[in-house]
């Protein structure tokens, strides 16, 4: 049995500006840096040592993972970067202010684009699309890592992690729109034979 730590990156500058980000490689905000360091401190308080770490190719996830590892005294541990763990692609919504988008298209339509499982925004990815690249990587690379190592960490994004949580927590297509993952909060799973047998959320 292995421990799997999932953590959404700390707040990014576009999170702070209420903009759709997706694949745009924006940095962490000052609050996001603090969130990442705090997450590392909470894991350090648990006495956790990471054996192998995965992240997306986007700097907000990479740097979150780095700040966490530094808090654990493991700043020299190399993270494995994988595009499959990138945030969902928001297509025509990328860079747009979320409130302005709601004013233009309506609250209900924007909610559907953001939270439905299989309805994408214009020229973008739905969560189902994101799952089709994230889940194979999760099952073929990350799950085997939990069998070979004691502690595996994944620093990624709200939607790529929602895809993973959908599998780990056995969440239905109808329930997944209601799942929220806070920035900078570690989800600690105990995994056996590719299945979650325990889960803790390390809030502040």
Protein backbone atom coordinates (compact mmCIF):
# COMPACT_ATOMS: atom_id res chain seq x y z
CA UNK A 1 0.00 0.00 0.00
CA UNK A 2 1.30 3.47 -0.90
CA UNK A 3 0.48 7.03 0.02
CA UNK A 4 -0.66 9.33 -2.79
CA UNK A 5 -0.67 13.09 -2.20
CA UNK A 6 -2.68 15.23 -4.62
CA UNK A 7 -2.35 18.98 -4.46
CA UNK A 8 -3.81 21.69 -6.64
CA UNK A 9 -1.37 24.52 -7.32
CA UNK A 10 -1.58 27.63 -5.18
CA UNK A 11 -3.51 30.63 -6.44
CA UNK A 12 -2.15 31.93 -9.77
CA UNK A 13 -2.13 35.56 -10.87
CA UNK A 14 -5.02 34.82 -13.24
CA UNK A 15 -6.95 33.05 -10.48
CA UNK A 16 -6.60 36.28 -8.54
CA UNK A 17 -7.82 38.26 -11.57
CA UNK A 18 -10.80 35.89 -12.05
CA UNK A 19 -9.70 34.89 -15.55
CA UNK A 20 -9.97 31.57 -17.40
CA UNK A 21 -6.41 30.26 -17.50
CA UNK A 22 -6.17 26.74 -18.92
CA UNK A 23 -2.87 26.18 -20.72
CA UNK A 24 -1.57 29.75 -20.34
CA UNK A 25 1.63 29.47 -18.31
CA UNK A 26 0.96 32.11 -15.66
CA UNK A 27 2.90 32.24 -12.37
CA UNK A 28 1.72 31.86 -8.81
CA UNK A 29 0.47 34.96 -7.04
CA UNK A 30 1.99 35.96 -3.70
CA UNK A 31 -1.00 34.31 -2.03
CA UNK A 32 -0.37 31.20 -4.13
CA UNK A 33 3.25 31.02 -2.99
CA UNK A 34 2.07 31.27 0.62
CA UNK A 35 -0.54 28.54 0.02
CA UNK A 36 2.10 26.21 -1.44
CA UNK A 37 4.50 26.81 1.45
CA UNK A 38 1.70 26.27 3.97
CA UNK A 39 0.77 23.00 2.28
CA UNK A 40 4.36 21.88 2.61
CA UNK A 41 4.37 22.82 6.28
CA UNK A 42 1.21 20.77 6.90
CA UNK A 43 2.78 17.75 5.20
CA UNK A 44 6.01 18.26 7.13
CA UNK A 45 3.99 18.25 10.36
CA UNK A 46 2.73 14.81 9.33
CA UNK A 47 6.31 13.57 9.04
CA UNK A 48 5.89 12.85 5.33
CA UNK A 49 8.83 12.21 3.02
CA UNK A 50 8.08 12.10 -0.73
CA UNK A 51 9.77 9.37 -2.77
CA UNK A 52 8.66 10.44 -6.25
CA UNK A 53 6.87 13.58 -7.45
CA UNK A 54 4.85 14.33 -10.57
CA UNK A 55 3.65 17.65 -11.91
CA UNK A 56 2.22 19.21 -15.05
CA UNK A 57 4.32 21.22 -17.48
CA UNK A 58 2.88 24.53 -16.25
CA UNK A 59 4.92 26.66 -13.86
CA UNK A 60 2.17 27.23 -11.31
CA UNK A 61 2.06 23.48 -10.62
CA UNK A 62 5.82 22.98 -10.92
CA UNK A 63 6.54 25.77 -8.44
CA UNK A 64 3.84 24.57 -6.04
CA UNK A 65 5.50 21.17 -6.00
CA UNK A 66 8.90 22.78 -5.52
CA UNK A 67 7.74 24.89 -2.55
CA UNK A 68 6.16 21.81 -0.95
CA UNK A 69 9.32 19.76 -1.41
CA UNK A 70 11.46 22.56 0.00
CA UNK A 71 9.26 22.64 3.09
CA UNK A 72 9.88 18.91 3.45
CA UNK A 73 13.65 19.43 3.19
CA UNK A 74 13.59 17.75 -0.23
CA UNK A 75 14.25 20.68 -2.54
CA UNK A 76 16.70 18.58 -4.56
CA UNK A 77 14.07 15.97 -5.52
CA UNK A 78 13.39 16.20 -9.27
CA UNK A 79 9.73 16.38 -10.28
CA UNK A 80 8.57 14.43 -13.32
CA UNK A 81 6.74 16.82 -15.64
CA UNK A 82 3.86 15.46 -17.74
CA UNK A 83 1.68 17.40 -20.19
CA UNK A 84 -1.11 14.92 -19.49
CA UNK A 85 -1.52 16.55 -16.06
CA UNK A 86 -1.96 20.05 -17.53
CA UNK A 87 -5.12 22.01 -16.78
CA UNK A 88 -8.00 21.66 -19.21
CA UNK A 89 -7.83 23.83 -22.32
CA UNK A 90 -10.46 26.60 -22.17
CA UNK A 91 -10.42 27.41 -25.88
CA UNK A 92 -12.23 30.64 -26.74
CA UNK A 93 -12.71 31.46 -23.04
CA UNK A 94 -8.96 31.57 -22.34
CA UNK A 95 -7.92 34.85 -20.74
CA UNK A 96 -11.47 36.15 -20.40
CA UNK A 97 -12.84 37.59 -17.18
CA UNK A 98 -15.30 35.09 -15.71
CA UNK A 99 -17.82 37.69 -14.57
CA UNK A 100 -17.84 39.39 -17.98
CA UNK A 101 -18.27 36.00 -19.62
CA UNK A 102 -21.31 35.33 -17.41
CA UNK A 103 -22.79 38.69 -18.41
CA UNK A 104 -22.35 37.85 -22.09
CA UNK A 105 -23.46 34.21 -22.14
CA UNK A 106 -25.49 33.85 -18.93
CA UNK A 107 -24.72 32.29 -15.57
CA UNK A 108 -26.18 28.89 -16.48
CA UNK A 109 -24.24 28.51 -19.75
CA UNK A 110 -20.92 29.45 -18.16
CA UNK A 111 -21.60 27.04 -15.27
CA UNK A 112 -22.21 24.27 -17.79
CA UNK A 113 -18.96 25.05 -19.61
CA UNK A 114 -17.01 25.15 -16.35
CA UNK A 115 -18.51 22.28 -14.40
CA UNK A 116 -20.32 19.81 -16.66
CA UNK A 117 -18.53 16.55 -17.37
CA UNK A 118 -18.83 16.33 -21.16
CA UNK A 119 -19.82 19.76 -22.54
CA UNK A 120 -16.74 21.78 -23.60
CA UNK A 121 -16.44 25.55 -23.95
CA UNK A 122 -16.10 26.76 -27.55
CA UNK A 123 -12.94 25.24 -29.10
CA UNK A 124 -11.90 23.92 -25.68
CA UNK A 125 -11.84 20.74 -23.61
CA UNK A 126 -14.57 19.33 -21.41
CA UNK A 127 -13.64 17.47 -18.23
CA UNK A 128 -14.27 14.26 -20.18
CA UNK A 129 -11.70 15.39 -22.76
CA UNK A 130 -9.22 16.19 -20.00
CA UNK A 131 -9.88 12.78 -18.44
CA UNK A 132 -9.02 11.04 -21.70
CA UNK A 133 -5.42 12.24 -21.41
CA UNK A 134 -5.08 12.41 -17.62
CA UNK A 135 -6.54 9.06 -16.59
CA UNK A 136 -4.36 6.84 -18.84
CA UNK A 137 -1.26 8.57 -17.44
CA UNK A 138 -2.61 8.17 -13.93
CA UNK A 139 -3.35 4.46 -14.32
CA UNK A 140 -0.25 3.58 -16.35
CA UNK A 141 2.37 5.70 -14.56
CA UNK A 142 1.21 7.14 -11.23
CA UNK A 143 -0.63 4.11 -9.85
CA UNK A 144 2.38 1.83 -10.54
CA UNK A 145 4.51 4.41 -8.75
CA UNK A 146 2.34 3.99 -5.63
CA UNK A 147 3.12 0.29 -5.77
CA UNK A 148 6.88 0.83 -6.12
CA UNK A 149 7.25 3.72 -3.64
CA UNK A 150 5.92 4.58 -0.19
CA UNK A 151 4.88 8.19 -0.93
CA UNK A 152 3.94 9.69 -4.32
CA UNK A 153 3.04 13.36 -4.79
CA UNK A 154 1.16 14.94 -7.71
CA UNK A 155 1.00 18.73 -8.04
CA UNK A 156 -1.45 19.62 -10.78
CA UNK A 157 -4.64 21.57 -11.55
CA UNK A 158 -8.29 21.76 -10.59
CA UNK A 159 -9.60 19.85 -13.58
CA UNK A 160 -6.84 17.29 -14.08
CA UNK A 161 -7.16 16.49 -10.38
CA UNK A 162 -10.96 16.35 -10.62
CA UNK A 163 -10.49 13.71 -13.31
CA UNK A 164 -8.28 11.72 -10.94
CA UNK A 165 -10.62 12.19 -7.98
CA UNK A 166 -13.48 10.97 -10.13
CA UNK A 167 -11.68 7.64 -10.37
CA UNK A 168 -10.30 7.45 -6.83
CA UNK A 169 -13.54 8.51 -5.15
CA UNK A 170 -15.81 6.75 -7.66
CA UNK A 171 -17.70 9.95 -8.45
CA UNK A 172 -20.47 9.78 -11.06
CA UNK A 173 -20.76 12.01 -14.14
CA UNK A 174 -23.71 13.70 -12.45
CA UNK A 175 -21.86 14.35 -9.17
CA UNK A 176 -18.54 15.58 -10.57
CA UNK A 177 -19.79 19.14 -11.36
CA UNK A 178 -20.20 19.70 -7.62
CA UNK A 179 -16.65 18.69 -6.72
CA UNK A 180 -14.46 21.64 -5.74
CA UNK A 181 -10.73 21.37 -5.06
CA UNK A 182 -9.22 24.25 -3.11
CA UNK A 183 -5.84 25.68 -4.08
CA UNK A 184 -2.91 24.59 -1.97
CA UNK A 185 -4.71 21.90 0.05
CA UNK A 186 -3.14 18.41 0.16
CA UNK A 187 -5.40 15.42 -0.37
CA UNK A 188 -3.70 12.38 1.17
CA UNK A 189 -4.85 8.97 -0.04
CA UNK A 190 -3.80 5.51 0.99
CA UNK A 191 -3.90 3.41 -2.17
CA UNK A 192 -3.84 -0.38 -2.49
CA UNK A 193 -4.10 -2.26 -5.79
CA UNK A 194 -4.97 0.99 -7.56
CA UNK A 195 -7.88 1.77 -5.23
CA UNK A 196 -8.25 4.34 -2.48
CA UNK A 197 -8.71 2.76 0.94
CA UNK A 198 -8.39 5.95 3.01
CA UNK A 199 -8.47 9.72 2.39
CA UNK A 200 -7.55 12.76 4.45
CA UNK A 201 -7.74 16.44 3.46
CA UNK A 202 -5.11 18.53 5.25
CA UNK A 203 -6.79 21.89 5.64
CA UNK A 204 -5.20 24.72 7.59
